[in-house]
Amino acid sequence: METNCHGPERQHGFRVSFPGPFEHHDVVVRGWRVPFLRAHLKGEDRIRLVLDRRLGVELSTAEAERVVPFLAHAIAIASGYGAHPREDTPVPLERAPYPSPERVVEVALPDDDGGPVEA
């Protein structure tokens, strides 16, 4: 007996499912795919960009041409890299050795009369 692989009979029998197919495009800037960013073509001059499968915006192709390189750099920097790679970069960049954030506690020194120093 054949069952529809997308129907409820199939979903209850297994822990793993493969929904789809999905129609999206990878976004490539200077020959490098931009992680966490997908594009859906919406006609001849409209593109929907979806960030992290959560946030989307619809742009014209001219607007996307201006916004996507900036977004590629922002994603790279947020991921710990210095920037999105250039077209002549031969191998993927290594993450920049940025220090982790540290909490700073101010210490007030007493002045001559024993009270704290005012800034």
PDB file of N, CA and C in Angstrom:
ATOM      1  N   MET A   1       0.849  -1.181   0.000  1.00  0.00           N
ATOM      2  CA  MET A   1       0.000   0.000   0.000  1.00  0.00           C
ATOM      3  C   MET A   1       0.889   1.237   0.000  1.00  0.00           C
ATOM      4  N   GLU A   2       0.679   2.114  -0.949  1.00  0.00           N
ATOM      5  CA  GLU A   2       1.468   3.335  -1.031  1.00  0.00           C
ATOM      6  C   GLU A   2       0.764   4.442  -0.245  1.00  0.00           C
ATOM      7  N   THR A   3       1.565   5.227   0.426  1.00  0.00           N
ATOM      8  CA  THR A   3       1.013   6.382   1.140  1.00  0.00           C
ATOM      9  C   THR A   3       1.718   7.624   0.647  1.00  0.00           C
ATOM     10  N   ASN A   4       1.077   8.716   0.783  1.00  0.00           N
ATOM     11  CA  ASN A   4       1.656   9.995   0.394  1.00  0.00           C
ATOM     12  C   ASN A   4       2.779  10.329   1.379  1.00  0.00           C
ATOM     13  N   CYS A   5       3.983  10.555   0.880  1.00  0.00           N
ATOM     14  CA  CYS A   5       5.116  10.802   1.780  1.00  0.00           C
ATOM     15  C   CYS A   5       4.983  12.107   2.548  1.00  0.00           C
ATOM     16  N   HIS A   6       4.065  12.974   2.117  1.00  0.00           N
ATOM     17  CA  HIS A   6       3.869  14.242   2.824  1.00  0.00           C
ATOM     18  C   HIS A   6       2.653  14.198   3.741  1.00  0.00           C
ATOM     19  N   GLY A   7       1.908  13.117   3.738  1.00  0.00           N
ATOM     20  CA  GLY A   7       0.677  13.017   4.515  1.00  0.00           C
ATOM     21  C   GLY A   7       0.946  12.677   5.971  1.00  0.00           C
ATOM     22  N   PRO A   8      -0.091  12.746   6.807  1.00  0.00           N
ATOM     23  CA  PRO A   8       0.077  12.491   8.239  1.00  0.00           C
ATOM     24  C   PRO A   8       0.453  11.040   8.536  1.00  0.00           C
ATOM     25  N   GLU A   9       0.040  10.075   7.665  1.00  0.00           N
ATOM     26  CA  GLU A   9       0.396   8.681   7.923  1.00  0.00           C
ATOM     27  C   GLU A   9       1.902   8.511   7.951  1.00  0.00           C
ATOM     28  N   ARG A  10       2.599   9.179   7.062  1.00  0.00           N
ATOM     29  CA  ARG A  10       4.049   9.046   6.938  1.00  0.00           C
ATOM     30  C   ARG A  10       4.764   9.801   8.062  1.00  0.00           C
ATOM     31  N   GLN A  11       4.237  10.955   8.446  1.00  0.00           N
ATOM     32  CA  GLN A  11       4.899  11.782   9.452  1.00  0.00           C
ATOM     33  C   GLN A  11       4.900  11.122  10.827  1.00  0.00           C
ATOM     34  N   HIS A  12       3.878  10.368  11.178  1.00  0.00           N
ATOM     35  CA  HIS A  12       3.817   9.748  12.501  1.00  0.00           C
ATOM     36  C   HIS A  12       4.708   8.520  12.598  1.00  0.00           C
ATOM     37  N   GLY A  13       5.079   7.910  11.473  1.00  0.00           N
ATOM     38  CA  GLY A  13       5.883   6.706  11.499  1.00  0.00           C
ATOM     39  C   GLY A  13       7.367   6.951  11.644  1.00  0.00           C
ATOM     40  N   PHE A  14       7.863   8.147  11.325  1.00  0.00           N
ATOM     41  CA  PHE A  14       9.291   8.423  11.332  1.00  0.00           C
ATOM     42  C   PHE A  14       9.580   9.726  12.069  1.00  0.00           C
ATOM     43  N   ARG A  15      10.796   9.817  12.622  1.00  0.00           N
ATOM     44  CA  ARG A  15      11.214  11.062  13.285  1.00  0.00           C
ATOM     45  C   ARG A  15      11.780  12.056  12.295  1.00  0.00           C
ATOM     46  N   VAL A  16      12.243  11.588  11.143  1.00  0.00           N
ATOM     47  CA  VAL A  16      12.869  12.456  10.150  1.00  0.00           C
ATOM     48  C   VAL A  16      11.946  12.593   8.954  1.00  0.00           C
ATOM     49  N   SER A  17      11.772  13.820   8.473  1.00  0.00           N
ATOM     50  CA  SER A  17      10.991  14.045   7.260  1.00  0.00           C
ATOM     51  C   SER A  17      11.765  14.989   6.355  1.00  0.00           C
ATOM     52  N   PHE A  18      11.386  15.006   5.106  1.00  0.00           N
ATOM     53  CA  PHE A  18      12.072  15.832   4.108  1.00  0.00           C
ATOM     54  C   PHE A  18      11.053  16.676   3.357  1.00  0.00           C
ATOM     55  N   PRO A  19      10.582  17.769   3.984  1.00  0.00           N
ATOM     56  CA  PRO A  19       9.607  18.614   3.295  1.00  0.00           C
ATOM     57  C   PRO A  19      10.252  19.338   2.122  1.00  0.00           C
ATOM     58  N   GLY A  20       9.465  19.658   1.163  1.00  0.00           N
ATOM     59  CA  GLY A  20       9.996  20.384   0.012  1.00  0.00           C
ATOM     60  C   GLY A  20       9.344  19.888  -1.245  1.00  0.00           C
ATOM     61  N   PRO A  21       9.771  20.217  -2.393  1.00  0.00           N
ATOM     62  CA  PRO A  21      10.959  21.031  -2.675  1.00  0.00           C
ATOM     63  C   PRO A  21      10.686  22.518  -2.477  1.00  0.00           C
ATOM     64  N   PHE A  22      11.752  23.242  -2.183  1.00  0.00           N
ATOM     65  CA  PHE A  22      11.661  24.686  -2.005  1.00  0.00           C
ATOM     66  C   PHE A  22      12.324  25.359  -3.193  1.00  0.00           C
ATOM     67  N   GLU A  23      11.816  26.470  -3.586  1.00  0.00           N
ATOM     68  CA  GLU A  23      12.398  27.207  -4.701  1.00  0.00           C
ATOM     69  C   GLU A  23      13.027  28.491  -4.181  1.00  0.00           C
ATOM     70  N   HIS A  24      14.313  28.441  -3.956  1.00  0.00           N
ATOM     71  CA  HIS A  24      15.050  29.631  -3.555  1.00  0.00           C
ATOM     72  C   HIS A  24      16.393  29.623  -4.268  1.00  0.00           C
ATOM     73  N   HIS A  25      17.045  30.739  -4.250  1.00  0.00           N
ATOM     74  CA  HIS A  25      18.357  30.880  -4.865  1.00  0.00           C
ATOM     75  C   HIS A  25      19.364  31.273  -3.799  1.00  0.00           C
ATOM     76  N   ASP A  26      20.586  30.772  -3.926  1.00  0.00           N
ATOM     77  CA  ASP A  26      21.671  31.268  -3.084  1.00  0.00           C
ATOM     78  C   ASP A  26      22.006  32.681  -3.529  1.00  0.00           C
ATOM     79  N   VAL A  27      22.524  33.473  -2.607  1.00  0.00           N
ATOM     80  CA  VAL A  27      22.960  34.832  -2.921  1.00  0.00           C
ATOM     81  C   VAL A  27      24.483  34.815  -2.959  1.00  0.00           C
ATOM     82  N   VAL A  28      25.063  35.264  -4.056  1.00  0.00           N
ATOM     83  CA  VAL A  28      26.507  35.235  -4.250  1.00  0.00           C
ATOM     84  C   VAL A  28      26.997  36.658  -4.495  1.00  0.00           C
ATOM     85  N   VAL A  29      28.016  37.055  -3.737  1.00  0.00           N
ATOM     86  CA  VAL A  29      28.646  38.366  -3.907  1.00  0.00           C
ATOM     87  C   VAL A  29      30.124  38.125  -4.163  1.00  0.00           C
ATOM     88  N   ARG A  30      30.608  38.635  -5.276  1.00  0.00           N
ATOM     89  CA  ARG A  30      32.017  38.499  -5.666  1.00  0.00           C
ATOM     90  C   ARG A  30      32.474  37.040  -5.703  1.00  0.00           C
ATOM     91  N   GLY A  31      31.589  36.144  -6.128  1.00  0.00           N
ATOM     92  CA  GLY A  31      31.949  34.745  -6.263  1.00  0.00           C
ATOM     93  C   GLY A  31      31.841  33.918  -4.994  1.00  0.00           C
ATOM     94  N   TRP A  32      31.404  34.520  -3.895  1.00  0.00           N
ATOM     95  CA  TRP A  32      31.288  33.823  -2.610  1.00  0.00           C
ATOM     96  C   TRP A  32      29.836  33.856  -2.160  1.00  0.00           C
ATOM     97  N   ARG A  33      29.305  32.680  -1.762  1.00  0.00           N
ATOM     98  CA  ARG A  33      27.931  32.596  -1.274  1.00  0.00           C
ATOM     99  C   ARG A  33      27.814  33.323   0.056  1.00  0.00           C
ATOM    100  N   VAL A  34      26.735  34.054   0.219  1.00  0.00           N
ATOM    101  CA  VAL A  34      26.462  34.771   1.464  1.00  0.00           C
ATOM    102  C   VAL A  34      25.682  33.830   2.385  1.00  0.00           C
ATOM    103  N   PRO A  35      26.257  33.458   3.533  1.00  0.00           N
ATOM    104  CA  PRO A  35      25.540  32.542   4.428  1.00  0.00           C
ATOM    105  C   PRO A  35      24.314  33.214   5.036  1.00  0.00           C
ATOM    106  N   PHE A  36      23.328  32.405   5.357  1.00  0.00           N
ATOM    107  CA  PHE A  36      22.093  32.846   6.018  1.00  0.00           C
ATOM    108  C   PHE A  36      21.206  33.716   5.129  1.00  0.00           C
ATOM    109  N   LEU A  37      21.519  33.859   3.843  1.00  0.00           N
ATOM    110  CA  LEU A  37      20.743  34.731   2.961  1.00  0.00           C
ATOM    111  C   LEU A  37      20.272  33.945   1.750  1.00  0.00           C
ATOM    112  N   ARG A  38      18.987  33.997   1.480  1.00  0.00           N
ATOM    113  CA  ARG A  38      18.390  33.343   0.313  1.00  0.00           C
ATOM    114  C   ARG A  38      17.594  34.368  -0.468  1.00  0.00           C
ATOM    115  N   ALA A  39      17.406  34.087  -1.747  1.00  0.00           N
ATOM    116  CA  ALA A  39      16.637  34.986  -2.601  1.00  0.00           C
ATOM    117  C   ALA A  39      15.520  34.213  -3.290  1.00  0.00           C
ATOM    118  N   HIS A  40      14.386  34.859  -3.437  1.00  0.00           N
ATOM    119  CA  HIS A  40      13.248  34.323  -4.174  1.00  0.00           C
ATOM    120  C   HIS A  40      12.932  35.344  -5.264  1.00  0.00           C
ATOM    121  N   LEU A  41      12.934  34.909  -6.505  1.00  0.00           N
ATOM    122  CA  LEU A  41      12.653  35.811  -7.616  1.00  0.00           C
ATOM    123  C   LEU A  41      11.158  36.051  -7.699  1.00  0.00           C
ATOM    124  N   LYS A  42      10.771  37.317  -7.775  1.00  0.00           N
ATOM    125  CA  LYS A  42       9.360  37.712  -7.801  1.00  0.00           C
ATOM    126  C   LYS A  42       9.073  38.537  -9.048  1.00  0.00           C
ATOM    127  N   GLY A  43       9.274  37.976 -10.216  1.00  0.00           N
ATOM    128  CA  GLY A  43       9.068  38.716 -11.455  1.00  0.00           C
ATOM    129  C   GLY A  43      10.393  39.145 -12.039  1.00  0.00           C
ATOM    130  N   GLU A  44      10.316  40.019 -13.039  1.00  0.00           N
ATOM    131  CA  GLU A  44      11.538  40.423 -13.735  1.00  0.00           C
ATOM    132  C   GLU A  44      12.399  41.398 -12.947  1.00  0.00           C
ATOM    133  N   ASP A  45      11.788  42.221 -12.107  1.00  0.00           N
ATOM    134  CA  ASP A  45      12.566  43.257 -11.417  1.00  0.00           C
ATOM    135  C   ASP A  45      12.381  43.233  -9.906  1.00  0.00           C
ATOM    136  N   ARG A  46      11.863  42.163  -9.348  1.00  0.00           N
ATOM    137  CA  ARG A  46      11.649  42.108  -7.905  1.00  0.00           C
ATOM    138  C   ARG A  46      12.319  40.873  -7.332  1.00  0.00           C
ATOM    139  N   ILE A  47      12.945  41.046  -6.169  1.00  0.00           N
ATOM    140  CA  ILE A  47      13.633  39.970  -5.472  1.00  0.00           C
ATOM    141  C   ILE A  47      13.252  40.044  -4.002  1.00  0.00           C
ATOM    142  N   ARG A  48      12.873  38.906  -3.432  1.00  0.00           N
ATOM    143  CA  ARG A  48      12.642  38.847  -1.988  1.00  0.00           C
ATOM    144  C   ARG A  48      13.868  38.221  -1.356  1.00  0.00           C
ATOM    145  N   LEU A  49      14.525  38.966  -0.473  1.00  0.00           N
ATOM    146  CA  LEU A  49      15.669  38.462   0.280  1.00  0.00           C
ATOM    147  C   LEU A  49      15.163  37.974   1.632  1.00  0.00           C
ATOM    148  N   VAL A  50      15.608  36.788   2.046  1.00  0.00           N
ATOM    149  CA  VAL A  50      15.193  36.222   3.327  1.00  0.00           C
ATOM    150  C   VAL A  50      16.453  35.942   4.135  1.00  0.00           C
ATOM    151  N   LEU A  51      16.552  36.591   5.279  1.00  0.00           N
ATOM    152  CA  LEU A  51      17.703  36.457   6.168  1.00  0.00           C
ATOM    153  C   LEU A  51      17.387  35.446   7.259  1.00  0.00           C
ATOM    154  N   ASP A  52      18.223  34.431   7.383  1.00  0.00           N
ATOM    155  CA  ASP A  52      18.132  33.434   8.445  1.00  0.00           C
ATOM    156  C   ASP A  52      16.768  32.742   8.480  1.00  0.00           C
ATOM    157  N   ARG A  53      16.142  32.608   7.326  1.00  0.00           N
ATOM    158  CA  ARG A  53      14.838  31.965   7.174  1.00  0.00           C
ATOM    159  C   ARG A  53      13.765  32.607   8.052  1.00  0.00           C
ATOM    160  N   ARG A  54      13.987  33.882   8.470  1.00  0.00           N
ATOM    161  CA  ARG A  54      13.038  34.553   9.365  1.00  0.00           C
ATOM    162  C   ARG A  54      12.615  35.921   8.874  1.00  0.00           C
ATOM    163  N   LEU A  55      13.540  36.726   8.388  1.00  0.00           N
ATOM    164  CA  LEU A  55      13.244  38.110   8.033  1.00  0.00           C
ATOM    165  C   LEU A  55      13.333  38.279   6.527  1.00  0.00           C
ATOM    166  N   GLY A  56      12.322  38.893   5.937  1.00  0.00           N
ATOM    167  CA  GLY A  56      12.327  39.069   4.491  1.00  0.00           C
ATOM    168  C   GLY A  56      12.008  40.487   4.094  1.00  0.00           C
ATOM    169  N   VAL A  57      12.520  40.867   2.924  1.00  0.00           N
ATOM    170  CA  VAL A  57      12.238  42.170   2.349  1.00  0.00           C
ATOM    171  C   VAL A  57      12.221  42.008   0.832  1.00  0.00           C
ATOM    172  N   GLU A  58      11.305  42.702   0.185  1.00  0.00           N
ATOM    173  CA  GLU A  58      11.227  42.650  -1.268  1.00  0.00           C
ATOM    174  C   GLU A  58      11.846  43.916  -1.834  1.00  0.00           C
ATOM    175  N   LEU A  59      12.782  43.740  -2.772  1.00  0.00           N
ATOM    176  CA  LEU A  59      13.526  44.847  -3.354  1.00  0.00           C
ATOM    177  C   LEU A  59      13.511  44.764  -4.873  1.00  0.00           C
ATOM    178  N   SER A  60      13.783  45.887  -5.511  1.00  0.00           N
ATOM    179  CA  SER A  60      14.029  45.862  -6.957  1.00  0.00           C
ATOM    180  C   SER A  60      15.442  45.321  -7.172  1.00  0.00           C
ATOM    181  N   THR A  61      15.758  44.929  -8.393  1.00  0.00           N
ATOM    182  CA  THR A  61      17.106  44.420  -8.644  1.00  0.00           C
ATOM    183  C   THR A  61      18.156  45.503  -8.424  1.00  0.00           C
ATOM    184  N   ALA A  62      17.835  46.757  -8.734  1.00  0.00           N
ATOM    185  CA  ALA A  62      18.785  47.850  -8.503  1.00  0.00           C
ATOM    186  C   ALA A  62      19.017  48.057  -7.009  1.00  0.00           C
ATOM    187  N   GLU A  63      17.950  47.992  -6.216  1.00  0.00           N
ATOM    188  CA  GLU A  63      18.094  48.128  -4.767  1.00  0.00           C
ATOM    189  C   GLU A  63      18.904  46.970  -4.197  1.00  0.00           C
ATOM    190  N   ALA A  64      18.644  45.754  -4.657  1.00  0.00           N
ATOM    191  CA  ALA A  64      19.386  44.583  -4.180  1.00  0.00           C
ATOM    192  C   ALA A  64      20.865  44.701  -4.526  1.00  0.00           C
ATOM    193  N   GLU A  65      21.174  45.252  -5.693  1.00  0.00           N
ATOM    194  CA  GLU A  65      22.571  45.427  -6.107  1.00  0.00           C
ATOM    195  C   GLU A  65      23.321  46.352  -5.151  1.00  0.00           C
ATOM    196  N   ARG A  66      22.627  47.317  -4.564  1.00  0.00           N
ATOM    197  CA  ARG A  66      23.254  48.232  -3.605  1.00  0.00           C
ATOM    198  C   ARG A  66      23.272  47.671  -2.191  1.00  0.00           C
ATOM    199  N   VAL A  67      22.215  46.964  -1.775  1.00  0.00           N
ATOM    200  CA  VAL A  67      22.060  46.521  -0.396  1.00  0.00           C
ATOM    201  C   VAL A  67      22.814  45.229  -0.092  1.00  0.00           C
ATOM    202  N   VAL A  68      22.813  44.276  -1.020  1.00  0.00           N
ATOM    203  CA  VAL A  68      23.351  42.944  -0.732  1.00  0.00           C
ATOM    204  C   VAL A  68      24.842  42.961  -0.387  1.00  0.00           C
ATOM    205  N   PRO A  69      25.719  43.718  -1.086  1.00  0.00           N
ATOM    206  CA  PRO A  69      27.129  43.726  -0.653  1.00  0.00           C
ATOM    207  C   PRO A  69      27.302  44.231   0.780  1.00  0.00           C
ATOM    208  N   PHE A  70      26.560  45.253   1.153  1.00  0.00           N
ATOM    209  CA  PHE A  70      26.609  45.741   2.538  1.00  0.00           C
ATOM    210  C   PHE A  70      26.146  44.654   3.508  1.00  0.00           C
ATOM    211  N   LEU A  71      25.060  43.981   3.173  1.00  0.00           N
ATOM    212  CA  LEU A  71      24.536  42.920   4.011  1.00  0.00           C
ATOM    213  C   LEU A  71      25.522  41.755   4.110  1.00  0.00           C
ATOM    214  N   ALA A  72      26.215  41.443   3.021  1.00  0.00           N
ATOM    215  CA  ALA A  72      27.225  40.375   3.039  1.00  0.00           C
ATOM    216  C   ALA A  72      28.353  40.719   4.004  1.00  0.00           C
ATOM    217  N   HIS A  73      28.801  41.973   3.999  1.00  0.00           N
ATOM    218  CA  HIS A  73      29.842  42.401   4.947  1.00  0.00           C
ATOM    219  C   HIS A  73      29.322  42.331   6.383  1.00  0.00           C
ATOM    220  N   ALA A  74      28.085  42.766   6.613  1.00  0.00           N
ATOM    221  CA  ALA A  74      27.512  42.748   7.962  1.00  0.00           C
ATOM    222  C   ALA A  74      27.417  41.324   8.495  1.00  0.00           C
ATOM    223  N   ILE A  75      26.986  40.382   7.654  1.00  0.00           N
ATOM    224  CA  ILE A  75      26.884  38.985   8.079  1.00  0.00           C
ATOM    225  C   ILE A  75      28.269  38.427   8.379  1.00  0.00           C
ATOM    226  N   ALA A  76      29.256  38.742   7.531  1.00  0.00           N
ATOM    227  CA  ALA A  76      30.621  38.258   7.758  1.00  0.00           C
ATOM    228  C   ALA A  76      31.186  38.804   9.063  1.00  0.00           C
ATOM    229  N   ILE A  77      30.985  40.083   9.326  1.00  0.00           N
ATOM    230  CA  ILE A  77      31.498  40.693  10.553  1.00  0.00           C
ATOM    231  C   ILE A  77      30.790  40.114  11.779  1.00  0.00           C
ATOM    232  N   ALA A  78      29.481  39.919  11.689  1.00  0.00           N
ATOM    233  CA  ALA A  78      28.743  39.324  12.801  1.00  0.00           C
ATOM    234  C   ALA A  78      29.173  37.885  13.054  1.00  0.00           C
ATOM    235  N   SER A  79      29.699  37.217  12.029  1.00  0.00           N
ATOM    236  CA  SER A  79      30.164  35.835  12.173  1.00  0.00           C
ATOM    237  C   SER A  79      31.603  35.757  12.647  1.00  0.00           C
ATOM    238  N   GLY A  80      32.253  36.906  12.851  1.00  0.00           N
ATOM    239  CA  GLY A  80      33.607  36.921  13.391  1.00  0.00           C
ATOM    240  C   GLY A  80      34.697  37.124  12.363  1.00  0.00           C
ATOM    241  N   TYR A  81      34.347  37.445  11.129  1.00  0.00           N
ATOM    242  CA  TYR A  81      35.336  37.703  10.082  1.00  0.00           C
ATOM    243  C   TYR A  81      35.528  39.204   9.917  1.00  0.00           C
ATOM    244  N   GLY A  82      36.593  39.599   9.242  1.00  0.00           N
ATOM    245  CA  GLY A  82      36.846  41.016   9.029  1.00  0.00           C
ATOM    246  C   GLY A  82      35.934  41.631   7.987  1.00  0.00           C
ATOM    247  N   ALA A  83      35.561  40.860   6.959  1.00  0.00           N
ATOM    248  CA  ALA A  83      34.706  41.335   5.881  1.00  0.00           C
ATOM    249  C   ALA A  83      34.320  40.149   5.009  1.00  0.00           C
ATOM    250  N   HIS A  84      33.380  40.371   4.099  1.00  0.00           N
ATOM    251  CA  HIS A  84      33.035  39.355   3.099  1.00  0.00           C
ATOM    252  C   HIS A  84      34.218  39.243   2.136  1.00  0.00           C
ATOM    253  N   PRO A  85      34.581  38.034   1.679  1.00  0.00           N
ATOM    254  CA  PRO A  85      35.770  37.890   0.821  1.00  0.00           C
ATOM    255  C   PRO A  85      35.633  38.622  -0.513  1.00  0.00           C
ATOM    256  N   ARG A  86      36.777  38.978  -1.069  1.00  0.00           N
ATOM    257  CA  ARG A  86      36.820  39.578  -2.405  1.00  0.00           C
ATOM    258  C   ARG A  86      36.866  38.463  -3.441  1.00  0.00           C
ATOM    259  N   GLU A  87      36.673  38.815  -4.706  1.00  0.00           N
ATOM    260  CA  GLU A  87      36.672  37.806  -5.760  1.00  0.00           C
ATOM    261  C   GLU A  87      38.030  37.142  -5.941  1.00  0.00           C
ATOM    262  N   ASP A  88      39.118  37.799  -5.569  1.00  0.00           N
ATOM    263  CA  ASP A  88      40.453  37.218  -5.748  1.00  0.00           C
ATOM    264  C   ASP A  88      40.947  36.469  -4.500  1.00  0.00           C
ATOM    265  N   THR A  89      40.103  36.305  -3.496  1.00  0.00           N
ATOM    266  CA  THR A  89      40.484  35.547  -2.306  1.00  0.00           C
ATOM    267  C   THR A  89      40.498  34.062  -2.667  1.00  0.00           C
ATOM    268  N   PRO A  90      41.661  33.392  -2.579  1.00  0.00           N
ATOM    269  CA  PRO A  90      41.748  32.006  -3.058  1.00  0.00           C
ATOM    270  C   PRO A  90      41.105  30.962  -2.156  1.00  0.00           C
ATOM    271  N   VAL A  91      41.131  31.165  -0.856  1.00  0.00           N
ATOM    272  CA  VAL A  91      40.558  30.202   0.084  1.00  0.00           C
ATOM    273  C   VAL A  91      39.699  30.956   1.080  1.00  0.00           C
ATOM    274  N   PRO A  92      38.797  30.268   1.773  1.00  0.00           N
ATOM    275  CA  PRO A  92      37.983  30.974   2.775  1.00  0.00           C
ATOM    276  C   PRO A  92      38.865  31.643   3.828  1.00  0.00           C
ATOM    277  N   LEU A  93      38.421  32.792   4.258  1.00  0.00           N
ATOM    278  CA  LEU A  93      39.154  33.546   5.278  1.00  0.00           C
ATOM    279  C   LEU A  93      39.056  32.849   6.626  1.00  0.00           C
ATOM    280  N   GLU A  94      40.079  33.020   7.444  1.00  0.00           N
ATOM    281  CA  GLU A  94      40.009  32.543   8.817  1.00  0.00           C
ATOM    282  C   GLU A  94      39.334  33.606   9.665  1.00  0.00           C
ATOM    283  N   ARG A  95      38.751  33.182  10.737  1.00  0.00           N
ATOM    284  CA  ARG A  95      38.119  34.152  11.635  1.00  0.00           C
ATOM    285  C   ARG A  95      39.181  35.044  12.259  1.00  0.00           C
ATOM    286  N   ALA A  96      38.844  36.294  12.421  1.00  0.00           N
ATOM    287  CA  ALA A  96      39.764  37.232  13.048  1.00  0.00           C
ATOM    288  C   ALA A  96      39.867  36.922  14.542  1.00  0.00           C
ATOM    289  N   PRO A  97      41.039  37.050  15.110  1.00  0.00           N
ATOM    290  CA  PRO A  97      41.227  36.710  16.533  1.00  0.00           C
ATOM    291  C   PRO A  97      40.756  37.829  17.463  1.00  0.00           C
ATOM    292  N   TYR A  98      39.474  38.115  17.426  1.00  0.00           N
ATOM    293  CA  TYR A  98      38.945  39.168  18.281  1.00  0.00           C
ATOM    294  C   TYR A  98      38.838  38.669  19.714  1.00  0.00           C
ATOM    295  N   PRO A  99      39.164  39.505  20.683  1.00  0.00           N
ATOM    296  CA  PRO A  99      38.996  39.082  22.077  1.00  0.00           C
ATOM    297  C   PRO A  99      37.517  39.023  22.436  1.00  0.00           C
ATOM    298  N   SER A 100      37.197  38.208  23.403  1.00  0.00           N
ATOM    299  CA  SER A 100      35.814  38.136  23.851  1.00  0.00           C
ATOM    300  C   SER A 100      35.505  39.350  24.723  1.00  0.00           C
ATOM    301  N   PRO A 101      34.232  39.733  24.821  1.00  0.00           N
ATOM    302  CA  PRO A 101      33.879  40.890  25.658  1.00  0.00           C
ATOM    303  C   PRO A 101      34.232  40.638  27.116  1.00  0.00           C
ATOM    304  N   GLU A 102      34.650  41.700  27.788  1.00  0.00           N
ATOM    305  CA  GLU A 102      34.997  41.612  29.202  1.00  0.00           C
ATOM    306  C   GLU A 102      34.226  42.676  29.967  1.00  0.00           C
ATOM    307  N   ARG A 103      33.702  42.297  31.124  1.00  0.00           N
ATOM    308  CA  ARG A 103      33.010  43.271  31.970  1.00  0.00           C
ATOM    309  C   ARG A 103      34.053  44.141  32.671  1.00  0.00           C
ATOM    310  N   VAL A 104      33.771  45.438  32.740  1.00  0.00           N
ATOM    311  CA  VAL A 104      34.682  46.385  33.365  1.00  0.00           C
ATOM    312  C   VAL A 104      34.017  46.938  34.614  1.00  0.00           C
ATOM    313  N   VAL A 105      34.753  46.958  35.712  1.00  0.00           N
ATOM    314  CA  VAL A 105      34.254  47.487  36.971  1.00  0.00           C
ATOM    315  C   VAL A 105      35.114  48.688  37.325  1.00  0.00           C
ATOM    316  N   GLU A 106      34.461  49.823  37.589  1.00  0.00           N
ATOM    317  CA  GLU A 106      35.211  51.018  37.956  1.00  0.00           C
ATOM    318  C   GLU A 106      35.514  51.000  39.445  1.00  0.00           C
ATOM    319  N   VAL A 107      36.692  51.440  39.769  1.00  0.00           N
ATOM    320  CA  VAL A 107      37.111  51.521  41.165  1.00  0.00           C
ATOM    321  C   VAL A 107      37.320  52.992  41.493  1.00  0.00           C
ATOM    322  N   ALA A 108      36.638  53.471  42.532  1.00  0.00           N
ATOM    323  CA  ALA A 108      36.779  54.864  42.945  1.00  0.00           C
ATOM    324  C   ALA A 108      37.855  54.945  44.026  1.00  0.00           C
ATOM    325  N   LEU A 109      38.837  55.785  43.783  1.00  0.00           N
ATOM    326  CA  LEU A 109      39.905  55.985  44.766  1.00  0.00           C
ATOM    327  C   LEU A 109      39.516  57.111  45.714  1.00  0.00           C
ATOM    328  N   PRO A 110      39.881  57.011  46.998  1.00  0.00           N
ATOM    329  CA  PRO A 110      39.527  58.084  47.935  1.00  0.00           C
ATOM    330  C   PRO A 110      40.400  59.322  47.653  1.00  0.00           C
ATOM    331  N   ASP A 111      39.804  60.491  47.874  1.00  0.00           N
ATOM    332  CA  ASP A 111      40.593  61.711  47.737  1.00  0.00           C
ATOM    333  C   ASP A 111      41.265  62.016  49.075  1.00  0.00           C
ATOM    334  N   ASP A 112      41.847  63.207  49.236  1.00  0.00           N
ATOM    335  CA  ASP A 112      42.618  63.544  50.438  1.00  0.00           C
ATOM    336  C   ASP A 112      41.803  63.503  51.730  1.00  0.00           C
ATOM    337  N   ASP A 113      40.488  63.824  51.671  1.00  0.00           N
ATOM    338  CA  ASP A 113      39.698  63.838  52.896  1.00  0.00           C
ATOM    339  C   ASP A 113      38.985  62.514  53.155  1.00  0.00           C
ATOM    340  N   GLY A 114      39.333  61.457  52.423  1.00  0.00           N
ATOM    341  CA  GLY A 114      38.780  60.128  52.670  1.00  0.00           C
ATOM    342  C   GLY A 114      37.542  59.784  51.862  1.00  0.00           C
ATOM    343  N   GLY A 115      36.935  60.781  51.176  1.00  0.00           N
ATOM    344  CA  GLY A 115      35.742  60.511  50.362  1.00  0.00           C
ATOM    345  C   GLY A 115      36.136  60.056  48.967  1.00  0.00           C
ATOM    346  N   PRO A 116      35.167  59.505  48.210  1.00  0.00           N
ATOM    347  CA  PRO A 116      35.480  59.051  46.859  1.00  0.00           C
ATOM    348  C   PRO A 116      35.765  60.221  45.925  1.00  0.00           C
ATOM    349  N   VAL A 117      36.598  60.006  44.948  1.00  0.00           N
ATOM    350  CA  VAL A 117      36.948  61.045  43.985  1.00  0.00           C
ATOM    351  C   VAL A 117      35.778  61.207  43.022  1.00  0.00           C
ATOM    352  N   GLU A 118      35.353  62.452  42.819  1.00  0.00           N
ATOM    353  CA  GLU A 118      34.283  62.776  41.873  1.00  0.00           C
ATOM    354  C   GLU A 118      34.899  63.028  40.512  1.00  0.00           C
ATOM    355  N   ALA A 119      34.261  62.525  39.471  1.00  0.00           N
ATOM    356  CA  ALA A 119      34.753  62.749  38.110  1.00  0.00           C
ATOM    357  C   ALA A 119      34.262  64.042  37.567  1.00  0.00           C
TER     358      ALA A 119
END
